Amino acid sequence: MASWFSRRPALVDAPKLTPRREQVTGVRVDLSEVAPDLLPYLGQVAYLQLQAFETLSRVVQQVPSLSNKEGIALTAGAALSRHQAVTAEIRRHDAEPAEVMAPFARAIDGFQSITIGRDWQETLLGVYVTDGLLSDFFMRLAQGLPGDVGPRAASLLGAQAGGEQLAGILSREIEADACLGSRLAMWGRRLVGDTLLVARSALRLSGNERSDEERIDPVFSEIIGAHTRRMDALGLTA
């Protein structure tokens, strides 16, 4: 995974998706065969939320507006709360969160480094894009977890408290600067491929490319669709 990461990455081919006109809506995919084991799943989710908290905490220091600081701080607090909830789940399974997260730390740290933009607006969009995509993905992947952990994890990740704050801040910044929108749209597009690679790395694939693509294509199509709607709401092209 470390080789994926650089400061300003080139555009990356995302997992192959069915063209929108061919997508079948309402298809539910059995993810039990590709879902990771429980503790690796929880470790990745916990560390991703911790990284989101750390990045947003740094952005707060760069933002001039007090009202924007408050909104970003709220979102950072929500990410920290999700992290703490997942680490509590890890402890419920008699494991130490730091040990469960450790195998993913280097790769996620590298991924986080490419979400840092040239200014706070780019970095804020980076969190909005990557956290949205990955939360949607891991929420779907929770369907393949054993017992009652899956529904709890899905409910936790579905509660994106504070995300609307980021959308509001970004919308106001775009409205105030005629040149910002096109720059942010390009920046958002650069992050999608690497974000989907992080998602794909969590799957237990068979190695049969055709079979694997058929199994996971509907999942990636759904999360790309949700991402596109979020970008459209900001007036940005996904």
C-alpha atoms as a PDB file:
ATOM      1  CA  MET A   1       0.000   0.000   0.000  1.00  0.00           C
ATOM      2  CA  ALA A   2       2.838   2.417   0.726  1.00  0.00           C
ATOM      3  CA  SER A   3       3.654   2.759  -2.976  1.00  0.00           C
ATOM      4  CA  TRP A   4       0.273   4.363  -3.627  1.00  0.00           C
ATOM      5  CA  PHE A   5       1.116   7.492  -1.723  1.00  0.00           C
ATOM      6  CA  SER A   6       2.769  10.727  -2.762  1.00  0.00           C
ATOM      7  CA  ARG A   7       2.231  14.424  -2.042  1.00  0.00           C
ATOM      8  CA  ARG A   8       0.137  15.324  -5.132  1.00  0.00           C
ATOM      9  CA  PRO A   9      -0.801  12.024  -6.769  1.00  0.00           C
ATOM     10  CA  ALA A  10      -1.386  11.493 -10.424  1.00  0.00           C
ATOM     11  CA  LEU A  11      -4.843  10.440 -11.452  1.00  0.00           C
ATOM     12  CA  VAL A  12      -5.408   6.782 -10.550  1.00  0.00           C
ATOM     13  CA  ASP A  13      -7.643   4.296 -12.321  1.00  0.00           C
ATOM     14  CA  ALA A  14     -10.475   3.467  -9.961  1.00  0.00           C
ATOM     15  CA  PRO A  15     -12.004   0.011  -9.769  1.00  0.00           C
ATOM     16  CA  LYS A  16     -13.962  -0.694 -12.919  1.00  0.00           C
ATOM     17  CA  LEU A  17     -17.559   0.395 -12.600  1.00  0.00           C
ATOM     18  CA  THR A  18     -20.623  -0.373 -14.639  1.00  0.00           C
ATOM     19  CA  PRO A  19     -21.607   2.634 -16.772  1.00  0.00           C
ATOM     20  CA  ARG A  20     -24.450   4.559 -15.127  1.00  0.00           C
ATOM     21  CA  ARG A  21     -26.952   3.683 -17.838  1.00  0.00           C
ATOM     22  CA  GLU A  22     -26.289  -0.011 -17.176  1.00  0.00           C
ATOM     23  CA  GLN A  23     -26.367   0.057 -13.399  1.00  0.00           C
ATOM     24  CA  VAL A  24     -29.091  -1.971 -11.739  1.00  0.00           C
ATOM     25  CA  THR A  25     -30.608  -0.228  -8.753  1.00  0.00           C
ATOM     26  CA  GLY A  26     -31.748  -2.034  -5.655  1.00  0.00           C
ATOM     27  CA  VAL A  27     -29.295  -4.936  -6.063  1.00  0.00           C
ATOM     28  CA  ARG A  28     -28.142  -6.245  -2.705  1.00  0.00           C
ATOM     29  CA  VAL A  29     -24.750  -7.949  -2.709  1.00  0.00           C
ATOM     30  CA  ASP A  30     -23.694 -10.680  -0.293  1.00  0.00           C
ATOM     31  CA  LEU A  31     -20.440  -9.319   1.095  1.00  0.00           C
ATOM     32  CA  SER A  32     -19.768 -12.103   3.583  1.00  0.00           C
ATOM     33  CA  GLU A  33     -17.264 -13.768   1.227  1.00  0.00           C
ATOM     34  CA  VAL A  34     -15.193 -10.617   0.714  1.00  0.00           C
ATOM     35  CA  ALA A  35     -15.569  -8.940   4.120  1.00  0.00           C
ATOM     36  CA  PRO A  36     -12.424  -8.913   6.278  1.00  0.00           C
ATOM     37  CA  ASP A  37     -12.302 -10.608   9.648  1.00  0.00           C
ATOM     38  CA  LEU A  38     -13.951  -8.675  12.449  1.00  0.00           C
ATOM     39  CA  LEU A  39     -10.936  -7.209  14.228  1.00  0.00           C
ATOM     40  CA  PRO A  40      -9.134  -6.072  11.041  1.00  0.00           C
ATOM     41  CA  TYR A  41     -12.369  -4.384   9.958  1.00  0.00           C
ATOM     42  CA  LEU A  42     -12.692  -2.576  13.280  1.00  0.00           C
ATOM     43  CA  GLY A  43      -9.006  -1.629  13.308  1.00  0.00           C
ATOM     44  CA  GLN A  44      -9.199   0.029   9.896  1.00  0.00           C
ATOM     45  CA  VAL A  45     -12.389   1.920  10.718  1.00  0.00           C
ATOM     46  CA  ALA A  46     -11.038   3.087  14.072  1.00  0.00           C
ATOM     47  CA  TYR A  47      -7.788   4.393  12.600  1.00  0.00           C
ATOM     48  CA  LEU A  48      -9.492   6.102   9.663  1.00  0.00           C
ATOM     49  CA  GLN A  49     -11.757   7.992  12.065  1.00  0.00           C
ATOM     50  CA  LEU A  50      -8.781   8.935  14.217  1.00  0.00           C
ATOM     51  CA  GLN A  51      -6.992  10.326  11.161  1.00  0.00           C
ATOM     52  CA  ALA A  52     -10.062  12.335  10.173  1.00  0.00           C
ATOM     53  CA  PHE A  53     -10.136  13.816  13.664  1.00  0.00           C
ATOM     54  CA  GLU A  54      -6.452  14.719  13.538  1.00  0.00           C
ATOM     55  CA  THR A  55      -6.709  16.344  10.103  1.00  0.00           C
ATOM     56  CA  LEU A  56      -9.782  18.389  11.002  1.00  0.00           C
ATOM     57  CA  SER A  57      -8.156  19.494  14.264  1.00  0.00           C
ATOM     58  CA  ARG A  58      -5.255  20.920  12.247  1.00  0.00           C
ATOM     59  CA  VAL A  59      -7.608  22.620   9.798  1.00  0.00           C
ATOM     60  CA  VAL A  60      -9.339  24.437  12.671  1.00  0.00           C
ATOM     61  CA  GLN A  61      -6.078  26.252  13.364  1.00  0.00           C
ATOM     62  CA  GLN A  62      -5.864  27.502   9.756  1.00  0.00           C
ATOM     63  CA  VAL A  63      -9.408  28.797   9.304  1.00  0.00           C
ATOM     64  CA  PRO A  64      -9.874  32.556   9.888  1.00  0.00           C
ATOM     65  CA  SER A  65     -13.635  32.572  10.536  1.00  0.00           C
ATOM     66  CA  LEU A  66     -14.829  31.733  14.040  1.00  0.00           C
ATOM     67  CA  SER A  67     -18.104  30.314  12.743  1.00  0.00           C
ATOM     68  CA  ASN A  68     -16.183  28.025  10.375  1.00  0.00           C
ATOM     69  CA  LYS A  69     -13.882  26.969  13.194  1.00  0.00           C
ATOM     70  CA  GLU A  70     -16.927  25.944  15.215  1.00  0.00           C
ATOM     71  CA  GLY A  71     -18.387  23.895  12.376  1.00  0.00           C
ATOM     72  CA  ILE A  72     -15.112  22.090  11.676  1.00  0.00           C
ATOM     73  CA  ALA A  73     -14.565  21.460  15.376  1.00  0.00           C
ATOM     74  CA  LEU A  74     -18.021  19.865  15.550  1.00  0.00           C
ATOM     75  CA  THR A  75     -17.116  17.526  12.704  1.00  0.00           C
ATOM     76  CA  ALA A  76     -13.780  16.679  14.327  1.00  0.00           C
ATOM     77  CA  GLY A  77     -15.583  15.850  17.545  1.00  0.00           C
ATOM     78  CA  ALA A  78     -17.990  13.552  15.682  1.00  0.00           C
ATOM     79  CA  ALA A  79     -15.061  11.687  14.099  1.00  0.00           C
ATOM     80  CA  LEU A  80     -13.434  11.291  17.518  1.00  0.00           C
ATOM     81  CA  SER A  81     -16.703   9.972  18.956  1.00  0.00           C
ATOM     82  CA  ARG A  82     -16.932   7.379  16.184  1.00  0.00           C
ATOM     83  CA  HIS A  83     -13.317   6.382  16.811  1.00  0.00           C
ATOM     84  CA  GLN A  84     -14.015   5.920  20.513  1.00  0.00           C
ATOM     85  CA  ALA A  85     -17.136   3.873  19.804  1.00  0.00           C
ATOM     86  CA  VAL A  86     -15.195   1.522  17.517  1.00  0.00           C
ATOM     87  CA  THR A  87     -12.336   1.119  19.985  1.00  0.00           C
ATOM     88  CA  ALA A  88     -14.927   0.262  22.642  1.00  0.00           C
ATOM     89  CA  GLU A  89     -16.195  -2.458  20.294  1.00  0.00           C
ATOM     90  CA  ILE A  90     -12.639  -3.762  19.917  1.00  0.00           C
ATOM     91  CA  ARG A  91     -12.322  -3.995  23.688  1.00  0.00           C
ATOM     92  CA  ARG A  92     -15.631  -5.867  23.859  1.00  0.00           C
ATOM     93  CA  HIS A  93     -13.853  -8.582  21.881  1.00  0.00           C
ATOM     94  CA  ASP A  94     -10.968  -8.714  24.389  1.00  0.00           C
ATOM     95  CA  ALA A  95      -8.477  -6.976  22.131  1.00  0.00           C
ATOM     96  CA  GLU A  96      -6.307  -3.899  22.569  1.00  0.00           C
ATOM     97  CA  PRO A  97      -7.246  -1.103  20.100  1.00  0.00           C
ATOM     98  CA  ALA A  98      -3.662   0.063  19.547  1.00  0.00           C
ATOM     99  CA  GLU A  99      -2.591  -3.453  18.592  1.00  0.00           C
ATOM    100  CA  VAL A 100      -5.575  -3.941  16.280  1.00  0.00           C
ATOM    101  CA  MET A 101      -5.006  -0.604  14.538  1.00  0.00           C
ATOM    102  CA  ALA A 102      -1.224  -0.948  14.247  1.00  0.00           C
ATOM    103  CA  PRO A 103      -1.097  -3.071  11.044  1.00  0.00           C
ATOM    104  CA  PHE A 104      -2.983  -0.352   9.166  1.00  0.00           C
ATOM    105  CA  ALA A 105      -1.287   2.729  10.594  1.00  0.00           C
ATOM    106  CA  ARG A 106       1.514   3.138   8.050  1.00  0.00           C
ATOM    107  CA  ALA A 107      -0.715   2.786   4.994  1.00  0.00           C
ATOM    108  CA  ILE A 108      -3.475   5.012   6.380  1.00  0.00           C
ATOM    109  CA  ASP A 109      -0.929   7.630   7.452  1.00  0.00           C
ATOM    110  CA  GLY A 110       0.372   7.624   3.896  1.00  0.00           C
ATOM    111  CA  PHE A 111      -3.128   7.938   2.504  1.00  0.00           C
ATOM    112  CA  GLN A 112      -3.927  10.781   4.902  1.00  0.00           C
ATOM    113  CA  SER A 113      -0.839  12.673   3.730  1.00  0.00           C
ATOM    114  CA  ILE A 114      -2.207  12.959   0.189  1.00  0.00           C
ATOM    115  CA  THR A 115      -5.471  14.480   1.415  1.00  0.00           C
ATOM    116  CA  ILE A 116      -3.580  17.534   2.676  1.00  0.00           C
ATOM    117  CA  GLY A 117      -4.134  20.246   0.094  1.00  0.00           C
ATOM    118  CA  ARG A 118      -2.412  23.504  -0.707  1.00  0.00           C
ATOM    119  CA  ASP A 119      -4.768  25.400   1.593  1.00  0.00           C
ATOM    120  CA  TRP A 120      -7.395  24.656   4.213  1.00  0.00           C
ATOM    121  CA  GLN A 121     -10.220  24.584   1.661  1.00  0.00           C
ATOM    122  CA  GLU A 122      -8.554  21.755  -0.279  1.00  0.00           C
ATOM    123  CA  THR A 123      -7.801  19.852   2.908  1.00  0.00           C
ATOM    124  CA  LEU A 124     -11.385  20.263   4.104  1.00  0.00           C
ATOM    125  CA  LEU A 125     -12.718  18.944   0.806  1.00  0.00           C
ATOM    126  CA  GLY A 126     -10.229  16.077   1.056  1.00  0.00           C
ATOM    127  CA  VAL A 127     -11.756  15.004   4.369  1.00  0.00           C
ATOM    128  CA  TYR A 128     -15.277  15.480   3.012  1.00  0.00           C
ATOM    129  CA  VAL A 129     -14.575  13.344  -0.062  1.00  0.00           C
ATOM    130  CA  THR A 130     -12.536  10.561   1.528  1.00  0.00           C
ATOM    131  CA  ASP A 131     -14.569  10.224   4.715  1.00  0.00           C
ATOM    132  CA  GLY A 132     -17.790  10.153   2.714  1.00  0.00           C
ATOM    133  CA  LEU A 133     -16.564   7.457   0.341  1.00  0.00           C
ATOM    134  CA  LEU A 134     -14.952   5.288   3.001  1.00  0.00           C
ATOM    135  CA  SER A 135     -17.813   5.577   5.480  1.00  0.00           C
ATOM    136  CA  ASP A 136     -20.254   4.526   2.754  1.00  0.00           C
ATOM    137  CA  PHE A 137     -17.993   1.621   1.838  1.00  0.00           C
ATOM    138  CA  PHE A 138     -17.361   0.319   5.346  1.00  0.00           C
ATOM    139  CA  MET A 139     -21.033   0.748   6.173  1.00  0.00           C
ATOM    140  CA  ARG A 140     -21.862  -1.602   3.277  1.00  0.00           C
ATOM    141  CA  LEU A 141     -19.021  -3.945   4.204  1.00  0.00           C
ATOM    142  CA  ALA A 142     -20.472  -4.256   7.708  1.00  0.00           C
ATOM    143  CA  GLN A 143     -23.189  -6.456   6.188  1.00  0.00           C
ATOM    144  CA  GLY A 144     -20.627  -9.250   5.975  1.00  0.00           C
ATOM    145  CA  LEU A 145     -19.601  -9.117   9.638  1.00  0.00           C
ATOM    146  CA  PRO A 146     -20.663 -11.824  12.065  1.00  0.00           C
ATOM    147  CA  GLY A 147     -23.304 -11.485  14.758  1.00  0.00           C
ATOM    148  CA  ASP A 148     -24.742  -8.133  15.777  1.00  0.00           C
ATOM    149  CA  VAL A 149     -21.552  -6.151  15.209  1.00  0.00           C
ATOM    150  CA  GLY A 150     -22.450  -5.359  11.591  1.00  0.00           C
ATOM    151  CA  PRO A 151     -25.680  -3.479  12.332  1.00  0.00           C
ATOM    152  CA  ARG A 152     -23.980  -1.512  15.108  1.00  0.00           C
ATOM    153  CA  ALA A 153     -21.055  -0.586  12.858  1.00  0.00           C
ATOM    154  CA  ALA A 154     -23.366   0.389  10.000  1.00  0.00           C
ATOM    155  CA  SER A 155     -25.472   2.552  12.309  1.00  0.00           C
ATOM    156  CA  LEU A 156     -22.371   4.254  13.678  1.00  0.00           C
ATOM    157  CA  LEU A 157     -20.918   5.031  10.247  1.00  0.00           C
ATOM    158  CA  GLY A 158     -24.286   6.131   8.933  1.00  0.00           C
ATOM    159  CA  ALA A 159     -24.464   8.844  11.578  1.00  0.00           C
ATOM    160  CA  GLN A 160     -22.244  11.349   9.796  1.00  0.00           C
ATOM    161  CA  ALA A 161     -22.810  14.093  12.366  1.00  0.00           C
ATOM    162  CA  GLY A 162     -20.981  17.236  11.307  1.00  0.00           C
ATOM    163  CA  GLY A 163     -20.747  16.333   7.621  1.00  0.00           C
ATOM    164  CA  GLU A 164     -23.410  18.897   6.830  1.00  0.00           C
ATOM    165  CA  GLN A 165     -21.208  21.477   8.548  1.00  0.00           C
ATOM    166  CA  LEU A 166     -18.361  20.794   6.123  1.00  0.00           C
ATOM    167  CA  ALA A 167     -20.738  20.968   3.157  1.00  0.00           C
ATOM    168  CA  GLY A 168     -22.067  24.321   4.341  1.00  0.00           C
ATOM    169  CA  ILE A 169     -18.592  25.767   4.855  1.00  0.00           C
ATOM    170  CA  LEU A 170     -17.377  24.570   1.461  1.00  0.00           C
ATOM    171  CA  SER A 171     -20.498  25.895  -0.278  1.00  0.00           C
ATOM    172  CA  ARG A 172     -20.006  29.354   1.201  1.00  0.00           C
ATOM    173  CA  GLU A 173     -16.326  29.391   0.236  1.00  0.00           C
ATOM    174  CA  ILE A 174     -17.163  28.385  -3.342  1.00  0.00           C
ATOM    175  CA  GLU A 175     -19.845  31.064  -3.617  1.00  0.00           C
ATOM    176  CA  ALA A 176     -17.413  33.699  -2.373  1.00  0.00           C
ATOM    177  CA  ASP A 177     -14.606  32.801  -4.804  1.00  0.00           C
ATOM    178  CA  ALA A 178     -15.411  32.290  -8.481  1.00  0.00           C
ATOM    179  CA  CYS A 179     -12.119  30.451  -9.095  1.00  0.00           C
ATOM    180  CA  LEU A 180     -12.283  28.120  -6.104  1.00  0.00           C
ATOM    181  CA  GLY A 181     -14.942  25.757  -7.447  1.00  0.00           C
ATOM    182  CA  SER A 182     -12.981  24.489 -10.447  1.00  0.00           C
ATOM    183  CA  ARG A 183      -9.849  24.019  -8.341  1.00  0.00           C
ATOM    184  CA  LEU A 184     -11.723  22.076  -5.677  1.00  0.00           C
ATOM    185  CA  ALA A 185     -13.500  19.934  -8.282  1.00  0.00           C
ATOM    186  CA  MET A 186     -10.145  18.926  -9.753  1.00  0.00           C
ATOM    187  CA  TRP A 187      -8.700  18.250  -6.301  1.00  0.00           C
ATOM    188  CA  GLY A 188     -11.669  16.086  -5.369  1.00  0.00           C
ATOM    189  CA  ARG A 189     -11.326  14.035  -8.549  1.00  0.00           C
ATOM    190  CA  ARG A 190      -7.642  13.397  -7.812  1.00  0.00           C
ATOM    191  CA  LEU A 191      -8.519  11.792  -4.487  1.00  0.00           C
ATOM    192  CA  VAL A 192     -11.236   9.397  -5.610  1.00  0.00           C
ATOM    193  CA  GLY A 193      -8.997   6.741  -7.180  1.00  0.00           C
ATOM    194  CA  ASP A 194      -6.689   6.476  -4.165  1.00  0.00           C
ATOM    195  CA  THR A 195      -9.659   6.412  -1.794  1.00  0.00           C
ATOM    196  CA  LEU A 196     -11.214   3.510  -3.688  1.00  0.00           C
ATOM    197  CA  LEU A 197      -7.889   1.672  -3.539  1.00  0.00           C
ATOM    198  CA  VAL A 198      -7.976   1.989   0.252  1.00  0.00           C
ATOM    199  CA  ALA A 199     -11.485   0.538   0.204  1.00  0.00           C
ATOM    200  CA  ARG A 200     -10.500  -2.271  -2.134  1.00  0.00           C
ATOM    201  CA  SER A 201      -7.517  -3.195   0.040  1.00  0.00           C
ATOM    202  CA  ALA A 202      -9.916  -4.096   2.853  1.00  0.00           C
ATOM    203  CA  LEU A 203     -11.587  -6.833   0.792  1.00  0.00           C
ATOM    204  CA  ARG A 204     -10.680 -10.505   0.760  1.00  0.00           C
ATOM    205  CA  LEU A 205     -10.668 -11.098  -2.977  1.00  0.00           C
ATOM    206  CA  SER A 206     -10.281 -14.466  -4.675  1.00  0.00           C
ATOM    207  CA  GLY A 207      -7.688 -13.415  -7.252  1.00  0.00           C
ATOM    208  CA  ASN A 208     -10.101 -14.180 -10.084  1.00  0.00           C
ATOM    209  CA  GLU A 209     -10.409 -10.690 -11.539  1.00  0.00           C
ATOM    210  CA  ARG A 210     -13.633 -11.273 -13.450  1.00  0.00           C
ATOM    211  CA  SER A 211     -15.387 -12.959 -10.542  1.00  0.00           C
ATOM    212  CA  ASP A 212     -14.165 -10.357  -8.068  1.00  0.00           C
ATOM    213  CA  GLU A 213     -15.269  -7.452 -10.254  1.00  0.00           C
ATOM    214  CA  GLU A 214     -18.734  -8.928 -10.720  1.00  0.00           C
ATOM    215  CA  ARG A 215     -19.105  -9.317  -6.971  1.00  0.00           C
ATOM    216  CA  ILE A 216     -17.917  -5.869  -5.899  1.00  0.00           C
ATOM    217  CA  ASP A 217     -18.978  -3.736  -8.891  1.00  0.00           C
ATOM    218  CA  PRO A 218     -22.457  -2.958  -7.491  1.00  0.00           C
ATOM    219  CA  VAL A 219     -20.945  -1.868  -4.181  1.00  0.00           C
ATOM    220  CA  PHE A 220     -18.500   0.553  -5.774  1.00  0.00           C
ATOM    221  CA  SER A 221     -21.204   1.805  -8.131  1.00  0.00           C
ATOM    222  CA  GLU A 222     -23.386   2.675  -5.148  1.00  0.00           C
ATOM    223  CA  ILE A 223     -20.708   4.542  -3.246  1.00  0.00           C
ATOM    224  CA  ILE A 224     -19.619   6.447  -6.369  1.00  0.00           C
ATOM    225  CA  GLY A 225     -23.254   7.411  -6.928  1.00  0.00           C
ATOM    226  CA  ALA A 226     -23.524   8.771  -3.382  1.00  0.00           C
ATOM    227  CA  HIS A 227     -20.227  10.634  -3.813  1.00  0.00           C
ATOM    228  CA  THR A 228     -21.461  12.181  -7.059  1.00  0.00           C
ATOM    229  CA  ARG A 229     -24.606  13.429  -5.336  1.00  0.00           C
ATOM    230  CA  ARG A 230     -22.542  15.026  -2.572  1.00  0.00           C
ATOM    231  CA  MET A 231     -20.330  16.787  -5.099  1.00  0.00           C
ATOM    232  CA  ASP A 232     -23.346  17.903  -7.135  1.00  0.00           C
ATOM    233  CA  ALA A 233     -24.821  19.461  -3.997  1.00  0.00           C
ATOM    234  CA  LEU A 234     -21.648  21.558  -3.678  1.00  0.00           C
ATOM    235  CA  GLY A 235     -21.882  22.585  -7.342  1.00  0.00           C
ATOM    236  CA  LEU A 236     -18.732  20.588  -8.133  1.00  0.00           C
ATOM    237  CA  THR A 237     -18.239  18.042 -10.908  1.00  0.00           C
ATOM    238  CA  ALA A 238     -17.372  14.599  -9.533  1.00  0.00           C
END
